[in-house]
Structure formats: C-alpha cells, structure tokens
Amino acid sequence: MRIVAFGDSLTAGYGVPRPAAFPAQLEAALKAKGLDVKVENAGVSGETAPQGLARLDWSIPDGTDAVIVELGANDMLRGLDPSTTRKALTEIVQRLKGRGILVLLAGMKAAPNLGRPYRETFDAIYPELAAAEGVLLYPFFLEGIAGDPKLNQPDGLHPTPDGVKRIVSGILPKAEELVAGVTESKTR
C-alpha cells in the first residue's frame, strides 16, 4: 500500500535525520502493527497550502492509495487570510478524492498571538473541511508537542526526533483507519 505524506517542513523532517522524519517513523509504526505500507515523503519546508496545491499533481504519483495532507502551519505563521488556506486545502482534498485517493487531513491550530477572530476562523478550517468532504481528520498535527521545549528544536517550531515520535503515536490510530479504508475499498 502506498501512502504519501504531503506537507511542509513538519512532514519533510526539517532539522532531523531522514529516518527520524514523520513519514519514516509513521511507516515503521504501521509496519510494527503488521501492515504492509510504504509512506513516501512529499514534504517541502516553508510551503503554504496554495503552494502545495500548485505542486499537487506531480507530487502525488499514480498508484498512490492514500495521502496524509499536512499543510497550513506556514499560512498561519505568515498570517495569510484563512479563506485562502481553506480554498487551497479544499481543492487539494477534492482533487485527491477525484483520483480515487483516500485522504487523512492533519489539522493545524493558529497561535494565540494572532488574536481570537483569526484563531477561530483558522482553527475551523480543518474540522469543517473534513466533515464537508467526508475525509478522516486528525485535529491537531502537533498535539502533545506544541510549546514543549523538550520535544521541539531550539526554534520552538519544529519537532525533535522524540517530538516526531509523539506525533506518530498520536496520529497512528487515524493512520490505521486510513489503511483499513484503503483495504476495504480494494475489496469492493
């Protein structure tokens, strides 16, 4: 089974060795559960959701069974209009679904310093999009590590290998659900 992790530096593995990056650790965790999967790394550091949309077609090769979409952190850090992020993520999800690819949407949350109106508008993107498009949702990709200096690199934004391990343990049940969905769709 071929899964593509499509995202920004959090997927790419900024500042950590390649075997410690999210796709590699997730693949190892899924294989430890007895699942025959390959998780490919399609992360680009610094990328926004609109930039991800621009490279979607050539980043997700034919034969891909499922995609984990992890984009939006850079949009938020740059204060981009949440409607722009929502539009790009919606098109990404719809285009993947149109190709028969199952999607797990990895949510992001806005930093508190951006103010309540921005935070509420941004944070609503992921659960609303997942519900509207009928895709799996992991509500907050950085759950359990955001703001923890022991699990983040000195920049305070990117996880250490142990931080990535925590992300993987959090998202693993949803990733297993994604794999089960692919298996089910292939047996129909």
C-alpha atoms as a PDB file:
ATOM      1  CA  MET A   1       0.000   0.000   0.000  1.00  0.00           C
ATOM      2  CA  ARG A   2       1.377   3.372  -0.995  1.00  0.00           C
ATOM      3  CA  ILE A   3       0.736   6.379   1.246  1.00  0.00           C
ATOM      4  CA  VAL A   4       2.130   9.829   0.516  1.00  0.00           C
ATOM      5  CA  ALA A   5       2.728  12.281   3.357  1.00  0.00           C
ATOM      6  CA  PHE A   6       2.130  15.611   1.628  1.00  0.00           C
ATOM      7  CA  GLY A   7       3.034  18.681   3.630  1.00  0.00           C
ATOM      8  CA  ASP A   8       5.517  21.265   4.790  1.00  0.00           C
ATOM      9  CA  SER A   9       8.654  21.126   6.986  1.00  0.00           C
ATOM     10  CA  LEU A  10       6.768  19.134   9.638  1.00  0.00           C
ATOM     11  CA  THR A  11       6.415  16.359   7.067  1.00  0.00           C
ATOM     12  CA  ALA A  12       9.740  16.921   5.316  1.00  0.00           C
ATOM     13  CA  GLY A  13      11.622  16.472   8.583  1.00  0.00           C
ATOM     14  CA  TYR A  14      13.299  19.845   8.927  1.00  0.00           C
ATOM     15  CA  GLY A  15      16.319  19.577  11.246  1.00  0.00           C
ATOM     16  CA  VAL A  16      16.063  15.827  11.853  1.00  0.00           C
ATOM     17  CA  PRO A  17      17.771  12.902  10.088  1.00  0.00           C
ATOM     18  CA  ARG A  18      15.643  11.413   7.289  1.00  0.00           C
ATOM     19  CA  PRO A  19      14.953   8.166   9.240  1.00  0.00           C
ATOM     20  CA  ALA A  20      13.571  10.326  12.102  1.00  0.00           C
ATOM     21  CA  ALA A  21      11.205  12.333   9.871  1.00  0.00           C
ATOM     22  CA  PHE A  22       7.443  11.844  10.163  1.00  0.00           C
ATOM     23  CA  PRO A  23       6.964   9.639   7.040  1.00  0.00           C
ATOM     24  CA  ALA A  24       9.759   7.233   8.031  1.00  0.00           C
ATOM     25  CA  GLN A  25       8.616   6.975  11.650  1.00  0.00           C
ATOM     26  CA  LEU A  26       4.977   6.515  10.613  1.00  0.00           C
ATOM     27  CA  GLU A  27       5.920   3.777   8.149  1.00  0.00           C
ATOM     28  CA  ALA A  28       7.895   1.975  10.872  1.00  0.00           C
ATOM     29  CA  ALA A  29       4.979   2.268  13.312  1.00  0.00           C
ATOM     30  CA  LEU A  30       2.486   0.911  10.770  1.00  0.00           C
ATOM     31  CA  LYS A  31       4.820  -1.952   9.837  1.00  0.00           C
ATOM     32  CA  ALA A  32       5.195  -2.758  13.553  1.00  0.00           C
ATOM     33  CA  LYS A  33       1.405  -3.229  13.542  1.00  0.00           C
ATOM     34  CA  GLY A  34       1.816  -5.794  10.749  1.00  0.00           C
ATOM     35  CA  LEU A  35       0.705  -3.500   7.931  1.00  0.00           C
ATOM     36  CA  ASP A  36       2.485  -3.688   4.571  1.00  0.00           C
ATOM     37  CA  VAL A  37       2.815   0.010   3.731  1.00  0.00           C
ATOM     38  CA  LYS A  38       5.241   2.431   2.169  1.00  0.00           C
ATOM     39  CA  VAL A  39       4.971   6.042   3.386  1.00  0.00           C
ATOM     40  CA  GLU A  40       6.605   8.433   0.947  1.00  0.00           C
ATOM     41  CA  ASN A  41       7.870  11.852   1.960  1.00  0.00           C
ATOM     42  CA  ALA A  42       6.393  14.669  -0.144  1.00  0.00           C
ATOM     43  CA  GLY A  43       7.125  17.445   2.334  1.00  0.00           C
ATOM     44  CA  VAL A  44       8.567  20.815   1.298  1.00  0.00           C
ATOM     45  CA  SER A  45       9.842  23.135   4.007  1.00  0.00           C
ATOM     46  CA  GLY A  46       8.275  26.581   4.119  1.00  0.00           C
ATOM     47  CA  GLU A  47       5.340  25.630   1.937  1.00  0.00           C
ATOM     48  CA  THR A  48       1.860  27.125   2.264  1.00  0.00           C
ATOM     49  CA  ALA A  49      -1.382  25.402   1.277  1.00  0.00           C
ATOM     50  CA  PRO A  50      -1.606  27.332  -2.043  1.00  0.00           C
ATOM     51  CA  GLN A  51       1.977  26.288  -2.859  1.00  0.00           C
ATOM     52  CA  GLY A  52       1.077  22.690  -2.055  1.00  0.00           C
ATOM     53  CA  LEU A  53      -1.892  22.919  -4.395  1.00  0.00           C
ATOM     54  CA  ALA A  54       0.406  24.190  -7.167  1.00  0.00           C
ATOM     55  CA  ARG A  55       2.572  21.049  -6.966  1.00  0.00           C
ATOM     56  CA  LEU A  56      -0.149  18.545  -6.088  1.00  0.00           C
ATOM     57  CA  ASP A  57      -0.405  16.670  -9.387  1.00  0.00           C
ATOM     58  CA  TRP A  58       3.293  15.929  -9.804  1.00  0.00           C
ATOM     59  CA  SER A  59       3.863  15.280  -6.102  1.00  0.00           C
ATOM     60  CA  ILE A  60       1.244  12.541  -5.816  1.00  0.00           C
ATOM     61  CA  PRO A  61       2.197   9.834  -8.325  1.00  0.00           C
ATOM     62  CA  ASP A  62      -0.183   7.412  -9.995  1.00  0.00           C
ATOM     63  CA  GLY A  63      -0.609   4.312  -7.862  1.00  0.00           C
ATOM     64  CA  THR A  64      -0.934   6.277  -4.620  1.00  0.00           C
ATOM     65  CA  ASP A  65      -3.580   4.712  -2.375  1.00  0.00           C
ATOM     66  CA  ALA A  66      -3.836   7.393   0.311  1.00  0.00           C
ATOM     67  CA  VAL A  67      -2.484  10.829   1.200  1.00  0.00           C
ATOM     68  CA  ILE A  68      -1.935  12.464   4.556  1.00  0.00           C
ATOM     69  CA  VAL A  69      -2.367  16.208   3.927  1.00  0.00           C
ATOM     70  CA  GLU A  70      -0.394  18.295   6.449  1.00  0.00           C
ATOM     71  CA  LEU A  71      -0.423  21.925   5.319  1.00  0.00           C
ATOM     72  CA  GLY A  72      -1.425  25.249   6.853  1.00  0.00           C
ATOM     73  CA  ALA A  73       1.217  25.928   9.512  1.00  0.00           C
ATOM     74  CA  ASN A  74       3.132  28.346   7.282  1.00  0.00           C
ATOM     75  CA  ASP A  75      -0.096  30.018   6.174  1.00  0.00           C
ATOM     76  CA  MET A  76      -0.854  30.695   9.841  1.00  0.00           C
ATOM     77  CA  LEU A  77       2.695  31.802  10.716  1.00  0.00           C
ATOM     78  CA  ARG A  78       2.573  34.298   7.835  1.00  0.00           C
ATOM     79  CA  GLY A  79      -0.899  35.486   8.787  1.00  0.00           C
ATOM     80  CA  LEU A  80      -2.390  34.542   5.414  1.00  0.00           C
ATOM     81  CA  ASP A  81      -6.129  35.011   5.074  1.00  0.00           C
ATOM     82  CA  PRO A  82      -7.708  31.780   6.342  1.00  0.00           C
ATOM     83  CA  SER A  83     -10.106  31.798   3.381  1.00  0.00           C
ATOM     84  CA  THR A  84      -7.083  31.377   1.072  1.00  0.00           C
ATOM     85  CA  THR A  85      -5.869  28.408   3.110  1.00  0.00           C
ATOM     86  CA  ARG A  86      -9.355  26.886   3.190  1.00  0.00           C
ATOM     87  CA  LYS A  87      -9.776  27.261  -0.583  1.00  0.00           C
ATOM     88  CA  ALA A  88      -6.421  25.601  -1.332  1.00  0.00           C
ATOM     89  CA  LEU A  89      -6.952  22.737   1.126  1.00  0.00           C
ATOM     90  CA  THR A  90     -10.463  22.154  -0.222  1.00  0.00           C
ATOM     91  CA  GLU A  91      -9.166  21.893  -3.778  1.00  0.00           C
ATOM     92  CA  ILE A  92      -6.341  19.555  -2.680  1.00  0.00           C
ATOM     93  CA  VAL A  93      -8.798  17.228  -0.936  1.00  0.00           C
ATOM     94  CA  GLN A  94     -11.313  17.322  -3.800  1.00  0.00           C
ATOM     95  CA  ARG A  95      -8.663  16.613  -6.437  1.00  0.00           C
ATOM     96  CA  LEU A  96      -7.268  13.684  -4.464  1.00  0.00           C
ATOM     97  CA  LYS A  97     -10.744  12.257  -3.946  1.00  0.00           C
ATOM     98  CA  GLY A  98     -11.406  12.733  -7.660  1.00  0.00           C
ATOM     99  CA  ARG A  99      -8.430  10.464  -8.343  1.00  0.00           C
ATOM    100  CA  GLY A 100      -9.842   7.805  -6.002  1.00  0.00           C
ATOM    101  CA  ILE A 101      -7.236   8.510  -3.321  1.00  0.00           C
ATOM    102  CA  LEU A 102      -8.263   8.356   0.342  1.00  0.00           C
ATOM    103  CA  VAL A 103      -7.327  11.359   2.477  1.00  0.00           C
ATOM    104  CA  LEU A 104      -6.354  11.913   6.093  1.00  0.00           C
ATOM    105  CA  LEU A 105      -6.389  15.641   6.841  1.00  0.00           C
ATOM    106  CA  ALA A 106      -3.909  16.662   9.546  1.00  0.00           C
ATOM    107  CA  GLY A 107      -5.220  19.760  11.273  1.00  0.00           C
ATOM    108  CA  MET A 108      -3.310  22.792  12.473  1.00  0.00           C
ATOM    109  CA  LYS A 109      -4.210  25.407  15.057  1.00  0.00           C
ATOM    110  CA  ALA A 110      -3.430  29.107  14.987  1.00  0.00           C
ATOM    111  CA  ALA A 111      -1.046  30.621  17.509  1.00  0.00           C
ATOM    112  CA  PRO A 112      -2.807  32.580  20.274  1.00  0.00           C
ATOM    113  CA  ASN A 113      -0.909  35.776  19.456  1.00  0.00           C
ATOM    114  CA  LEU A 114      -2.819  36.117  16.166  1.00  0.00           C
ATOM    115  CA  GLY A 115      -5.957  37.104  18.042  1.00  0.00           C
ATOM    116  CA  ARG A 116      -9.243  35.377  18.658  1.00  0.00           C
ATOM    117  CA  PRO A 117     -11.036  36.199  15.366  1.00  0.00           C
ATOM    118  CA  TYR A 118      -8.145  34.872  13.266  1.00  0.00           C
ATOM    119  CA  ARG A 119      -7.690  31.836  15.515  1.00  0.00           C
ATOM    120  CA  GLU A 120     -11.375  30.886  15.429  1.00  0.00           C
ATOM    121  CA  THR A 121     -11.595  31.269  11.652  1.00  0.00           C
ATOM    122  CA  PHE A 122      -8.344  29.371  11.010  1.00  0.00           C
ATOM    123  CA  ASP A 123      -8.984  26.567  13.510  1.00  0.00           C
ATOM    124  CA  ALA A 124     -12.410  25.871  11.968  1.00  0.00           C
ATOM    125  CA  ILE A 125     -10.933  25.079   8.536  1.00  0.00           C
ATOM    126  CA  TYR A 126      -9.898  21.506   9.283  1.00  0.00           C
ATOM    127  CA  PRO A 127     -12.941  20.034  11.066  1.00  0.00           C
ATOM    128  CA  GLU A 128     -15.339  21.789   8.682  1.00  0.00           C
ATOM    129  CA  LEU A 129     -13.443  20.649   5.576  1.00  0.00           C
ATOM    130  CA  ALA A 130     -13.139  17.058   6.809  1.00  0.00           C
ATOM    131  CA  ALA A 131     -16.880  16.938   7.566  1.00  0.00           C
ATOM    132  CA  ALA A 132     -17.866  18.546   4.245  1.00  0.00           C
ATOM    133  CA  GLU A 133     -15.658  16.219   2.179  1.00  0.00           C
ATOM    134  CA  GLY A 134     -16.114  13.066   4.248  1.00  0.00           C
ATOM    135  CA  VAL A 135     -12.404  12.515   4.909  1.00  0.00           C
ATOM    136  CA  LEU A 136     -10.560  11.412   8.028  1.00  0.00           C
ATOM    137  CA  LEU A 137      -9.331  14.125  10.381  1.00  0.00           C
ATOM    138  CA  TYR A 138      -6.534  14.211  12.920  1.00  0.00           C
ATOM    139  CA  PRO A 139      -7.499  17.507  14.615  1.00  0.00           C
ATOM    140  CA  PHE A 140      -4.055  18.887  15.525  1.00  0.00           C
ATOM    141  CA  PHE A 141      -0.841  17.540  13.998  1.00  0.00           C
ATOM    142  CA  LEU A 142       1.285  18.989  16.817  1.00  0.00           C
ATOM    143  CA  GLU A 143      -0.915  17.621  19.628  1.00  0.00           C
ATOM    144  CA  GLY A 144       1.177  16.912  22.709  1.00  0.00           C
ATOM    145  CA  ILE A 145       4.304  18.656  21.467  1.00  0.00           C
ATOM    146  CA  ALA A 146       3.358  22.268  20.638  1.00  0.00           C
ATOM    147  CA  GLY A 147       5.087  24.533  23.125  1.00  0.00           C
ATOM    148  CA  ASP A 148       7.092  21.729  24.785  1.00  0.00           C
ATOM    149  CA  PRO A 149      10.780  22.718  24.628  1.00  0.00           C
ATOM    150  CA  LYS A 150      11.887  19.119  25.273  1.00  0.00           C
ATOM    151  CA  LEU A 151      10.086  17.910  22.146  1.00  0.00           C
ATOM    152  CA  ASN A 152      10.965  20.815  19.845  1.00  0.00           C
ATOM    153  CA  GLN A 153      14.157  22.057  18.275  1.00  0.00           C
ATOM    154  CA  PRO A 154      15.590  25.363  19.548  1.00  0.00           C
ATOM    155  CA  ASP A 155      13.425  27.300  17.045  1.00  0.00           C
ATOM    156  CA  GLY A 156      10.369  26.180  19.034  1.00  0.00           C
ATOM    157  CA  LEU A 157       8.540  25.279  15.796  1.00  0.00           C
ATOM    158  CA  HIS A 158       9.977  22.013  14.558  1.00  0.00           C
ATOM    159  CA  PRO A 159       9.872  18.739  16.491  1.00  0.00           C
ATOM    160  CA  THR A 160      12.913  16.789  17.584  1.00  0.00           C
ATOM    161  CA  PRO A 161      13.046  13.077  16.703  1.00  0.00           C
ATOM    162  CA  ASP A 162      11.287  12.410  20.042  1.00  0.00           C
ATOM    163  CA  GLY A 163       8.701  15.056  19.151  1.00  0.00           C
ATOM    164  CA  VAL A 164       8.068  13.315  15.830  1.00  0.00           C
ATOM    165  CA  LYS A 165       7.699  10.044  17.737  1.00  0.00           C
ATOM    166  CA  ARG A 166       4.977  11.687  19.855  1.00  0.00           C
ATOM    167  CA  ILE A 167       3.221  12.971  16.697  1.00  0.00           C
ATOM    168  CA  VAL A 168       3.311   9.475  15.212  1.00  0.00           C
ATOM    169  CA  SER A 169       1.900   7.870  18.365  1.00  0.00           C
ATOM    170  CA  GLY A 170      -0.944  10.414  18.312  1.00  0.00           C
ATOM    171  CA  ILE A 171      -1.857  10.092  14.643  1.00  0.00           C
ATOM    172  CA  LEU A 172      -1.289   6.324  14.435  1.00  0.00           C
ATOM    173  CA  PRO A 173      -4.915   5.284  15.125  1.00  0.00           C
ATOM    174  CA  LYS A 174      -6.125   7.582  12.320  1.00  0.00           C
ATOM    175  CA  ALA A 175      -3.382   6.277  10.012  1.00  0.00           C
ATOM    176  CA  GLU A 176      -4.518   2.717  10.778  1.00  0.00           C
ATOM    177  CA  GLU A 177      -8.077   3.790   9.954  1.00  0.00           C
ATOM    178  CA  LEU A 178      -6.780   5.206   6.653  1.00  0.00           C
ATOM    179  CA  VAL A 179      -5.044   1.913   5.817  1.00  0.00           C
ATOM    180  CA  ALA A 180      -8.214  -0.017   6.700  1.00  0.00           C
ATOM    181  CA  GLY A 181     -10.198   2.275   4.396  1.00  0.00           C
ATOM    182  CA  VAL A 182      -7.834   1.569   1.505  1.00  0.00           C
ATOM    183  CA  THR A 183      -8.008  -2.176   2.165  1.00  0.00           C
ATOM    184  CA  GLU A 184     -11.804  -2.022   2.269  1.00  0.00           C
ATOM    185  CA  SER A 185     -12.010  -0.005  -0.968  1.00  0.00           C
ATOM    186  CA  LYS A 186      -9.790  -2.548  -2.758  1.00  0.00           C
ATOM    187  CA  THR A 187     -12.005  -5.459  -1.733  1.00  0.00           C
ATOM    188  CA  ARG A 188     -15.184  -3.859  -3.082  1.00  0.00           C
END
